[in-house]
N, C-alpha and C. Protein backbone atom coordinates (compact mmCIF):
# COMPACT_ATOMS: atom_id res chain seq x y z
N VAL A 1 141.17 64.10 105.00
CA VAL A 1 139.99 64.86 105.37
C VAL A 1 139.57 65.78 104.22
N THR A 2 140.53 66.44 103.61
CA THR A 2 140.22 67.40 102.55
C THR A 2 139.48 66.74 101.39
N TRP A 3 140.05 65.68 100.84
CA TRP A 3 139.49 65.10 99.62
C TRP A 3 138.20 64.33 99.89
N VAL A 4 138.11 63.72 101.03
CA VAL A 4 136.90 62.98 101.37
C VAL A 4 135.74 63.96 101.57
N GLN A 5 136.02 65.14 102.10
CA GLN A 5 134.97 66.14 102.28
C GLN A 5 134.34 66.52 100.94
N ILE A 6 135.15 66.61 99.91
CA ILE A 6 134.61 66.96 98.59
C ILE A 6 133.65 65.87 98.12
N THR A 7 134.03 64.63 98.30
CA THR A 7 133.16 63.52 97.90
C THR A 7 131.87 63.52 98.71
N LEU A 8 131.98 63.67 100.01
CA LEU A 8 130.80 63.59 100.87
C LEU A 8 129.88 64.80 100.70
N LEU A 9 130.45 65.99 100.66
CA LEU A 9 129.63 67.18 100.43
C LEU A 9 129.06 67.18 99.02
N GLY A 10 129.70 66.42 98.12
CA GLY A 10 129.22 66.31 96.74
C GLY A 10 127.83 65.74 96.63
N ALA A 11 127.29 65.22 97.72
CA ALA A 11 125.90 64.79 97.72
C ALA A 11 125.00 65.95 97.33
N ALA A 12 125.42 67.16 97.66
CA ALA A 12 124.64 68.35 97.29
C ALA A 12 124.57 68.48 95.77
N GLU A 13 125.69 68.27 95.10
CA GLU A 13 125.72 68.38 93.64
C GLU A 13 124.81 67.34 92.99
N VAL A 14 124.83 66.14 93.51
CA VAL A 14 124.02 65.06 92.95
C VAL A 14 122.54 65.39 93.08
N LEU A 15 122.13 65.83 94.26
CA LEU A 15 120.72 66.12 94.49
C LEU A 15 120.26 67.31 93.64
N VAL A 16 121.06 68.36 93.56
CA VAL A 16 120.71 69.52 92.75
C VAL A 16 120.62 69.13 91.28
N ASP A 17 121.58 68.33 90.81
CA ASP A 17 121.57 67.90 89.42
C ASP A 17 120.31 67.09 89.10
N GLU A 18 119.94 66.20 90.00
CA GLU A 18 118.73 65.39 89.78
C GLU A 18 117.48 66.26 89.77
N ARG A 19 117.45 67.28 90.62
CA ARG A 19 116.30 68.18 90.63
C ARG A 19 116.23 68.95 89.31
N LEU A 20 117.35 69.47 88.84
CA LEU A 20 117.36 70.26 87.62
C LEU A 20 117.09 69.43 86.37
N ARG A 21 117.51 68.17 86.35
CA ARG A 21 117.25 67.30 85.19
C ARG A 21 115.85 66.70 85.21
N GLY A 22 115.15 66.82 86.33
CA GLY A 22 113.80 66.29 86.42
C GLY A 22 113.71 64.86 86.93
N THR A 23 114.85 64.22 87.16
CA THR A 23 114.79 62.84 87.63
C THR A 23 114.30 62.76 89.07
N LEU A 24 114.57 63.79 89.85
CA LEU A 24 114.09 63.78 91.24
C LEU A 24 112.56 63.87 91.25
N ARG A 25 111.99 64.68 90.37
CA ARG A 25 110.53 64.78 90.30
C ARG A 25 109.91 63.42 90.00
N ARG A 26 110.55 62.67 89.10
CA ARG A 26 110.05 61.33 88.77
C ARG A 26 110.15 60.40 89.98
N LEU A 27 111.24 60.51 90.70
CA LEU A 27 111.39 59.68 91.91
C LEU A 27 110.32 60.02 92.95
N LEU A 28 110.04 61.31 93.09
CA LEU A 28 109.07 61.74 94.09
C LEU A 28 107.65 61.30 93.74
N MET A 29 107.40 60.94 92.49
CA MET A 29 106.06 60.46 92.08
C MET A 29 105.86 58.99 92.44
N GLN A 30 106.94 58.32 92.78
CA GLN A 30 106.85 56.91 93.16
C GLN A 30 106.18 56.77 94.53
N PRO A 31 105.64 55.59 94.81
CA PRO A 31 105.00 55.39 96.11
C PRO A 31 106.04 55.14 97.23
N THR A 32 107.02 56.01 97.26
CA THR A 32 108.07 55.94 98.27
C THR A 32 108.09 57.28 98.99
N SER A 33 108.28 57.27 100.28
CA SER A 33 108.27 58.53 101.04
C SER A 33 109.47 59.39 100.67
N ARG A 34 109.31 60.67 100.86
CA ARG A 34 110.41 61.60 100.60
C ARG A 34 111.59 61.29 101.52
N GLY A 35 111.29 60.93 102.73
CA GLY A 35 112.35 60.58 103.67
C GLY A 35 113.17 59.39 103.20
N MET A 36 112.51 58.40 102.62
CA MET A 36 113.21 57.22 102.11
C MET A 36 114.08 57.59 100.91
N ILE A 37 113.58 58.45 100.04
CA ILE A 37 114.37 58.90 98.88
C ILE A 37 115.58 59.68 99.37
N PHE A 38 115.35 60.58 100.32
CA PHE A 38 116.45 61.38 100.89
C PHE A 38 117.51 60.46 101.48
N MET A 39 117.08 59.49 102.27
CA MET A 39 118.02 58.58 102.92
C MET A 39 118.75 57.70 101.90
N GLY A 40 118.05 57.30 100.84
CA GLY A 40 118.69 56.51 99.79
C GLY A 40 119.81 57.28 99.12
N LYS A 41 119.57 58.55 98.83
CA LYS A 41 120.60 59.40 98.24
C LYS A 41 121.77 59.57 99.21
N LEU A 42 121.44 59.77 100.48
CA LEU A 42 122.47 59.95 101.50
C LEU A 42 123.32 58.69 101.65
N VAL A 43 122.69 57.54 101.73
CA VAL A 43 123.44 56.29 101.95
C VAL A 43 124.33 55.97 100.75
N SER A 44 123.85 56.23 99.54
CA SER A 44 124.68 55.93 98.38
C SER A 44 125.94 56.80 98.38
N ARG A 45 125.81 58.07 98.71
CA ARG A 45 126.99 58.95 98.76
C ARG A 45 127.87 58.61 99.97
N LEU A 46 127.25 58.20 101.06
CA LEU A 46 128.00 57.79 102.25
C LEU A 46 128.89 56.60 101.91
N LEU A 47 128.35 55.62 101.22
CA LEU A 47 129.13 54.43 100.85
C LEU A 47 130.30 54.80 99.95
N LEU A 48 130.07 55.72 99.03
CA LEU A 48 131.15 56.17 98.16
C LEU A 48 132.25 56.86 98.99
N GLY A 49 131.84 57.71 99.92
CA GLY A 49 132.82 58.39 100.79
C GLY A 49 133.57 57.43 101.68
N LEU A 50 132.88 56.42 102.21
CA LEU A 50 133.56 55.43 103.06
C LEU A 50 134.54 54.60 102.26
N LEU A 51 134.20 54.29 101.02
CA LEU A 51 135.14 53.57 100.14
C LEU A 51 136.38 54.43 99.90
N GLN A 52 136.19 55.70 99.63
CA GLN A 52 137.32 56.60 99.43
C GLN A 52 138.16 56.70 100.70
N LEU A 53 137.52 56.82 101.84
CA LEU A 53 138.24 56.87 103.11
C LEU A 53 139.07 55.60 103.31
N ALA A 54 138.47 54.45 103.04
CA ALA A 54 139.19 53.17 103.21
C ALA A 54 140.40 53.12 102.30
N ILE A 55 140.24 53.54 101.05
CA ILE A 55 141.37 53.54 100.11
C ILE A 55 142.47 54.47 100.61
N LEU A 56 142.09 55.66 101.10
CA LEU A 56 143.10 56.61 101.59
C LEU A 56 143.79 56.10 102.86
N LEU A 57 143.02 55.52 103.78
CA LEU A 57 143.62 55.00 105.01
C LEU A 57 144.55 53.82 104.72
N LEU A 58 144.08 52.90 103.90
CA LEU A 58 144.92 51.74 103.55
C LEU A 58 146.12 52.16 102.71
N GLY A 59 145.88 53.06 101.78
CA GLY A 59 147.00 53.55 100.97
C GLY A 59 148.05 54.24 101.82
N GLY A 60 147.59 55.08 102.75
CA GLY A 60 148.53 55.74 103.65
C GLY A 60 149.32 54.75 104.48
N SER A 61 148.64 53.70 104.91
CA SER A 61 149.28 52.69 105.72
C SER A 61 150.31 51.88 104.93
N TYR A 62 149.90 51.39 103.75
CA TYR A 62 150.77 50.50 102.98
C TYR A 62 151.80 51.24 102.13
N LEU A 63 151.44 52.38 101.58
CA LEU A 63 152.37 53.10 100.72
C LEU A 63 153.32 54.01 101.49
N PHE A 64 152.82 54.60 102.59
CA PHE A 64 153.62 55.59 103.29
C PHE A 64 153.94 55.21 104.73
N GLY A 65 153.52 54.03 105.14
CA GLY A 65 153.85 53.55 106.48
C GLY A 65 153.14 54.27 107.61
N VAL A 66 151.99 54.88 107.34
CA VAL A 66 151.24 55.57 108.40
C VAL A 66 150.73 54.53 109.39
N ASN A 67 151.05 54.73 110.65
CA ASN A 67 150.59 53.84 111.71
C ASN A 67 149.36 54.48 112.35
N TRP A 68 148.21 53.89 112.13
CA TRP A 68 146.96 54.44 112.62
C TRP A 68 146.71 54.12 114.08
N GLY A 69 147.70 53.65 114.77
CA GLY A 69 147.56 53.41 116.20
C GLY A 69 147.20 51.97 116.49
N GLN A 70 146.87 51.74 117.74
CA GLN A 70 146.63 50.39 118.22
C GLN A 70 145.17 49.96 118.12
N ASP A 71 144.29 50.89 117.80
CA ASP A 71 142.87 50.59 117.84
C ASP A 71 142.22 50.94 116.50
N LEU A 72 142.30 50.01 115.56
CA LEU A 72 141.73 50.24 114.23
C LEU A 72 140.21 50.40 114.25
N PRO A 73 139.48 49.71 115.15
CA PRO A 73 138.03 50.01 115.23
C PRO A 73 137.77 51.48 115.59
N ALA A 74 138.64 52.09 116.37
CA ALA A 74 138.47 53.51 116.70
C ALA A 74 138.61 54.36 115.44
N VAL A 75 139.57 54.03 114.60
CA VAL A 75 139.75 54.75 113.32
C VAL A 75 138.49 54.58 112.47
N ALA A 76 137.97 53.38 112.44
CA ALA A 76 136.77 53.11 111.65
C ALA A 76 135.57 53.90 112.18
N LEU A 77 135.40 53.95 113.49
CA LEU A 77 134.27 54.68 114.08
C LEU A 77 134.38 56.18 113.85
N VAL A 78 135.57 56.73 113.99
CA VAL A 78 135.78 58.16 113.72
C VAL A 78 135.47 58.44 112.25
N SER A 79 135.96 57.58 111.38
CA SER A 79 135.74 57.77 109.94
C SER A 79 134.26 57.70 109.60
N LEU A 80 133.55 56.76 110.18
CA LEU A 80 132.12 56.63 109.92
C LEU A 80 131.36 57.85 110.43
N ALA A 81 131.66 58.30 111.64
CA ALA A 81 130.97 59.47 112.21
C ALA A 81 131.26 60.72 111.39
N PHE A 82 132.51 60.88 110.97
CA PHE A 82 132.88 62.02 110.13
C PHE A 82 132.14 61.97 108.79
N ALA A 83 132.12 60.80 108.18
CA ALA A 83 131.44 60.64 106.88
C ALA A 83 129.95 60.94 107.02
N LEU A 84 129.32 60.45 108.07
CA LEU A 84 127.89 60.71 108.29
C LEU A 84 127.62 62.21 108.44
N ALA A 85 128.46 62.89 109.21
CA ALA A 85 128.27 64.33 109.41
C ALA A 85 128.39 65.09 108.09
N LEU A 86 129.38 64.74 107.29
CA LEU A 86 129.61 65.49 106.06
C LEU A 86 128.59 65.20 104.98
N VAL A 87 128.19 63.95 104.84
CA VAL A 87 127.19 63.64 103.81
C VAL A 87 125.84 64.24 104.21
N ALA A 88 125.52 64.25 105.49
CA ALA A 88 124.28 64.88 105.95
C ALA A 88 124.34 66.39 105.70
N MET A 89 125.51 66.99 105.91
CA MET A 89 125.68 68.41 105.62
C MET A 89 125.46 68.68 104.13
N GLY A 90 126.03 67.84 103.28
CA GLY A 90 125.87 68.00 101.84
C GLY A 90 124.42 67.91 101.42
N MET A 91 123.71 66.94 101.97
CA MET A 91 122.29 66.78 101.64
C MET A 91 121.48 67.98 102.13
N MET A 92 121.80 68.46 103.30
CA MET A 92 121.10 69.63 103.84
C MET A 92 121.35 70.85 102.95
N LEU A 93 122.61 71.06 102.58
CA LEU A 93 122.95 72.22 101.75
C LEU A 93 122.24 72.17 100.39
N ALA A 94 122.05 70.97 99.86
CA ALA A 94 121.39 70.83 98.56
C ALA A 94 120.00 71.43 98.56
N THR A 95 119.35 71.45 99.71
CA THR A 95 117.98 71.97 99.76
C THR A 95 117.93 73.49 99.66
N TRP A 96 119.08 74.16 99.74
CA TRP A 96 119.14 75.62 99.59
C TRP A 96 119.75 76.05 98.26
N ILE A 97 120.41 75.16 97.57
CA ILE A 97 121.15 75.49 96.35
C ILE A 97 120.23 75.39 95.14
N SER A 98 120.39 76.35 94.23
CA SER A 98 119.48 76.37 93.09
C SER A 98 120.13 76.05 91.74
N SER A 99 121.45 75.99 91.66
CA SER A 99 122.09 75.71 90.36
C SER A 99 123.28 74.77 90.53
N ARG A 100 123.67 74.16 89.41
CA ARG A 100 124.84 73.26 89.42
C ARG A 100 126.11 74.03 89.77
N GLY A 101 126.23 75.23 89.23
CA GLY A 101 127.40 76.06 89.51
C GLY A 101 127.53 76.39 90.98
N GLN A 102 126.41 76.75 91.60
CA GLN A 102 126.42 77.04 93.03
C GLN A 102 126.84 75.80 93.82
N ALA A 103 126.27 74.66 93.42
CA ALA A 103 126.58 73.42 94.14
C ALA A 103 128.06 73.09 94.04
N SER A 104 128.59 73.15 92.84
CA SER A 104 130.00 72.81 92.63
C SER A 104 130.92 73.76 93.39
N SER A 105 130.65 75.04 93.28
CA SER A 105 131.48 76.04 93.97
C SER A 105 131.40 75.88 95.48
N LEU A 106 130.19 75.67 95.97
CA LEU A 106 130.01 75.53 97.41
C LEU A 106 130.70 74.29 97.95
N VAL A 107 130.57 73.16 97.24
CA VAL A 107 131.17 71.91 97.70
C VAL A 107 132.69 72.05 97.80
N VAL A 108 133.31 72.51 96.73
CA VAL A 108 134.78 72.62 96.74
C VAL A 108 135.24 73.70 97.71
N GLY A 109 134.58 74.87 97.67
CA GLY A 109 134.98 75.96 98.56
C GLY A 109 134.81 75.61 100.03
N LEU A 110 133.68 75.00 100.36
CA LEU A 110 133.43 74.63 101.75
C LEU A 110 134.39 73.53 102.21
N ALA A 111 134.64 72.55 101.36
CA ALA A 111 135.57 71.48 101.73
C ALA A 111 136.97 72.04 101.98
N MET A 112 137.43 72.91 101.12
CA MET A 112 138.76 73.49 101.29
C MET A 112 138.82 74.38 102.53
N ALA A 113 137.80 75.21 102.71
CA ALA A 113 137.79 76.11 103.87
C ALA A 113 137.73 75.32 105.18
N MET A 114 136.85 74.32 105.23
CA MET A 114 136.74 73.53 106.47
C MET A 114 138.02 72.75 106.74
N SER A 115 138.68 72.29 105.69
CA SER A 115 139.95 71.58 105.88
C SER A 115 141.01 72.51 106.45
N ALA A 116 141.14 73.67 105.82
CA ALA A 116 142.16 74.62 106.28
C ALA A 116 141.85 75.11 107.69
N LEU A 117 140.63 75.52 107.93
CA LEU A 117 140.27 76.06 109.24
C LEU A 117 140.24 74.99 110.32
N GLY A 118 139.90 73.77 109.95
CA GLY A 118 139.73 72.70 110.93
C GLY A 118 140.99 71.96 111.33
N GLY A 119 142.12 72.33 110.77
CA GLY A 119 143.37 71.72 111.21
C GLY A 119 143.92 70.64 110.30
N ALA A 120 143.37 70.47 109.11
CA ALA A 120 143.91 69.45 108.19
C ALA A 120 145.16 69.94 107.48
N TRP A 121 145.35 71.24 107.41
CA TRP A 121 146.50 71.78 106.68
C TRP A 121 147.61 72.25 107.60
N PHE A 122 147.28 72.53 108.84
CA PHE A 122 148.27 72.94 109.84
C PHE A 122 147.71 72.62 111.21
N PRO A 123 148.58 72.38 112.18
CA PRO A 123 148.08 72.01 113.52
C PRO A 123 147.40 73.20 114.20
N LEU A 124 146.28 72.92 114.82
CA LEU A 124 145.55 73.98 115.51
C LEU A 124 146.31 74.51 116.72
N GLU A 125 147.26 73.73 117.19
CA GLU A 125 148.05 74.17 118.36
C GLU A 125 148.85 75.43 118.08
N VAL A 126 149.08 75.76 116.81
CA VAL A 126 149.85 76.96 116.48
C VAL A 126 148.95 78.18 116.32
N THR A 127 147.65 78.01 116.51
CA THR A 127 146.72 79.12 116.34
C THR A 127 146.35 79.73 117.69
N PRO A 128 145.86 80.96 117.68
CA PRO A 128 145.46 81.60 118.94
C PRO A 128 144.28 80.87 119.59
N PRO A 129 144.15 80.98 120.90
CA PRO A 129 143.06 80.30 121.61
C PRO A 129 141.66 80.67 121.08
N LEU A 130 141.44 81.92 120.73
CA LEU A 130 140.13 82.33 120.21
C LEU A 130 139.82 81.59 118.90
N TYR A 131 140.81 81.48 118.04
CA TYR A 131 140.64 80.75 116.78
C TYR A 131 140.22 79.31 117.05
N ARG A 132 140.91 78.67 117.99
CA ARG A 132 140.60 77.28 118.33
C ARG A 132 139.18 77.13 118.86
N GLN A 133 138.69 78.15 119.54
CA GLN A 133 137.30 78.10 120.03
C GLN A 133 136.30 78.27 118.90
N VAL A 134 136.58 79.19 117.99
CA VAL A 134 135.66 79.47 116.89
C VAL A 134 135.50 78.27 115.97
N VAL A 135 136.58 77.55 115.68
CA VAL A 135 136.51 76.44 114.71
C VAL A 135 135.88 75.18 115.30
N GLN A 136 135.43 75.24 116.54
CA GLN A 136 134.73 74.10 117.12
C GLN A 136 133.39 73.84 116.43
N VAL A 137 132.91 74.80 115.63
CA VAL A 137 131.64 74.64 114.93
C VAL A 137 131.79 73.84 113.63
N LEU A 138 133.00 73.38 113.33
CA LEU A 138 133.26 72.64 112.09
C LEU A 138 133.46 71.15 112.37
N PRO A 139 132.78 70.29 111.63
CA PRO A 139 133.02 68.85 111.79
C PRO A 139 134.48 68.47 111.52
N SER A 140 135.12 69.17 110.60
CA SER A 140 136.51 68.84 110.27
C SER A 140 137.44 69.02 111.47
N THR A 141 137.13 69.99 112.33
CA THR A 141 137.94 70.21 113.53
C THR A 141 137.89 68.98 114.43
N TRP A 142 136.71 68.44 114.62
CA TRP A 142 136.55 67.29 115.50
C TRP A 142 137.15 66.03 114.89
N ALA A 143 137.02 65.88 113.59
CA ALA A 143 137.63 64.73 112.92
C ALA A 143 139.15 64.81 113.02
N MET A 144 139.70 65.99 112.79
CA MET A 144 141.16 66.14 112.85
C MET A 144 141.68 65.92 114.27
N ARG A 145 140.94 66.38 115.25
CA ARG A 145 141.36 66.14 116.65
C ARG A 145 141.38 64.64 116.93
N ALA A 146 140.35 63.94 116.46
CA ALA A 146 140.29 62.49 116.69
C ALA A 146 141.41 61.77 115.95
N TYR A 147 141.60 62.10 114.68
CA TYR A 147 142.67 61.44 113.90
C TYR A 147 144.05 61.75 114.49
N THR A 148 144.24 62.97 114.97
CA THR A 148 145.52 63.33 115.59
C THR A 148 145.75 62.51 116.85
N ASP A 149 144.72 62.38 117.66
CA ASP A 149 144.85 61.56 118.87
C ASP A 149 145.15 60.10 118.52
N LEU A 150 144.52 59.59 117.48
CA LEU A 150 144.77 58.20 117.07
C LEU A 150 146.19 58.02 116.54
N LEU A 151 146.65 58.97 115.75
CA LEU A 151 147.98 58.87 115.14
C LEU A 151 149.11 59.18 116.11
N VAL A 152 148.96 60.25 116.86
CA VAL A 152 150.07 60.76 117.67
C VAL A 152 150.05 60.23 119.10
N ARG A 153 148.87 60.06 119.66
CA ARG A 153 148.76 59.71 121.07
C ARG A 153 148.30 58.27 121.30
N SER A 154 148.21 57.49 120.21
CA SER A 154 147.77 56.09 120.29
C SER A 154 146.45 55.95 121.05
N ALA A 155 145.52 56.84 120.75
CA ALA A 155 144.22 56.82 121.42
C ALA A 155 143.46 55.53 121.10
N ARG A 156 142.54 55.22 121.97
CA ARG A 156 141.67 54.06 121.80
C ARG A 156 140.22 54.56 121.76
N ILE A 157 139.29 53.65 121.56
CA ILE A 157 137.88 54.03 121.42
C ILE A 157 137.40 54.94 122.55
N PRO A 158 137.63 54.61 123.83
CA PRO A 158 137.13 55.51 124.88
C PRO A 158 137.69 56.93 124.77
N ASP A 159 138.92 57.05 124.28
CA ASP A 159 139.54 58.38 124.15
C ASP A 159 138.90 59.22 123.05
N VAL A 160 138.41 58.58 121.99
CA VAL A 160 137.84 59.33 120.87
C VAL A 160 136.31 59.36 120.89
N LEU A 161 135.69 58.72 121.87
CA LEU A 161 134.23 58.74 121.96
C LEU A 161 133.64 60.16 122.02
N PRO A 162 134.26 61.11 122.74
CA PRO A 162 133.70 62.47 122.71
C PRO A 162 133.69 63.07 121.30
N TYR A 163 134.75 62.85 120.54
CA TYR A 163 134.81 63.36 119.16
C TYR A 163 133.75 62.69 118.30
N ILE A 164 133.61 61.39 118.46
CA ILE A 164 132.60 60.64 117.70
C ILE A 164 131.21 61.15 118.06
N GLY A 165 130.97 61.41 119.33
CA GLY A 165 129.69 61.94 119.77
C GLY A 165 129.37 63.29 119.14
N VAL A 166 130.36 64.17 119.10
CA VAL A 166 130.14 65.49 118.49
C VAL A 166 129.88 65.35 116.99
N LEU A 167 130.65 64.50 116.33
CA LEU A 167 130.44 64.29 114.89
C LEU A 167 129.05 63.70 114.62
N LEU A 168 128.62 62.77 115.45
CA LEU A 168 127.27 62.22 115.29
C LEU A 168 126.20 63.27 115.60
N GLY A 169 126.50 64.16 116.54
CA GLY A 169 125.59 65.28 116.81
C GLY A 169 125.44 66.18 115.59
N PHE A 170 126.55 66.50 114.93
CA PHE A 170 126.49 67.26 113.67
C PHE A 170 125.61 66.51 112.68
N ALA A 171 125.83 65.20 112.55
CA ALA A 171 125.08 64.40 111.58
C ALA A 171 123.59 64.47 111.86
N VAL A 172 123.20 64.35 113.13
CA VAL A 172 121.78 64.38 113.49
C VAL A 172 121.16 65.74 113.16
N VAL A 173 121.85 66.81 113.50
CA VAL A 173 121.32 68.16 113.23
C VAL A 173 121.20 68.38 111.72
N PHE A 174 122.27 68.08 110.96
CA PHE A 174 122.22 68.29 109.51
C PHE A 174 121.16 67.41 108.87
N LEU A 175 121.04 66.18 109.33
CA LEU A 175 120.05 65.26 108.80
C LEU A 175 118.63 65.75 109.08
N ALA A 176 118.39 66.19 110.30
CA ALA A 176 117.06 66.68 110.66
C ALA A 176 116.67 67.91 109.83
N VAL A 177 117.56 68.87 109.74
CA VAL A 177 117.28 70.07 108.95
C VAL A 177 117.09 69.69 107.48
N GLY A 178 117.96 68.83 106.97
CA GLY A 178 117.86 68.41 105.58
C GLY A 178 116.55 67.70 105.28
N LEU A 179 116.13 66.82 106.17
CA LEU A 179 114.87 66.10 105.98
C LEU A 179 113.67 67.05 106.00
N VAL A 180 113.66 67.98 106.93
CA VAL A 180 112.57 68.96 107.00
C VAL A 180 112.52 69.78 105.72
N ARG A 181 113.67 70.24 105.27
CA ARG A 181 113.72 71.07 104.06
C ARG A 181 113.40 70.23 102.82
N PHE A 182 113.80 68.97 102.80
CA PHE A 182 113.55 68.12 101.63
C PHE A 182 112.06 67.83 101.48
N ARG A 183 111.33 67.84 102.55
CA ARG A 183 109.88 67.60 102.46
C ARG A 183 109.18 68.69 101.66
N GLN A 184 109.78 69.91 101.62
CA GLN A 184 109.22 71.00 100.83
C GLN A 184 109.99 71.23 99.53
N TYR A 185 110.97 70.38 99.27
CA TYR A 185 111.89 70.54 98.15
C TYR A 185 111.20 70.24 96.82
N GLU A 186 111.39 71.09 95.86
CA GLU A 186 110.82 70.85 94.50
C GLU A 186 111.89 70.99 93.46
């Protein structure tokens, strides 16, 4: 979760860099809608993140014997929903960032903070109830809950559908805000 978040949120760095180098302005002059350009940037970073996720999941399985449970399509769906939420968040954040330094710092800092707070570094069960309630606003919390259920409780697709739904909800909100902001983006 930690390392994939950096890749997916890194969509912000790519978009900011293109804006600062002037390549985004050239793209926006093409007879292509801003929404299509935004989605193209999002999909390219999404594919990179999904490739990284696949390498990490397969590597964990083959190198370290991680058993991802009985329902591999459930792992794939959780991974896809998580990746969509994070790349949409990165694209949305890019519309507020004005420099490469800000983008880089925000991507790494946010990825590390969300990983630590969301349960990737320690189990949320050891935290106070209020803490567990507050971190529900993080996509990483929902991804970690789903992955934990898949790994520890042998969950199947119906068991992780609520987590997938929440992650897709994050994706829709971040995507909508990002698209609205990108329409005014210069």
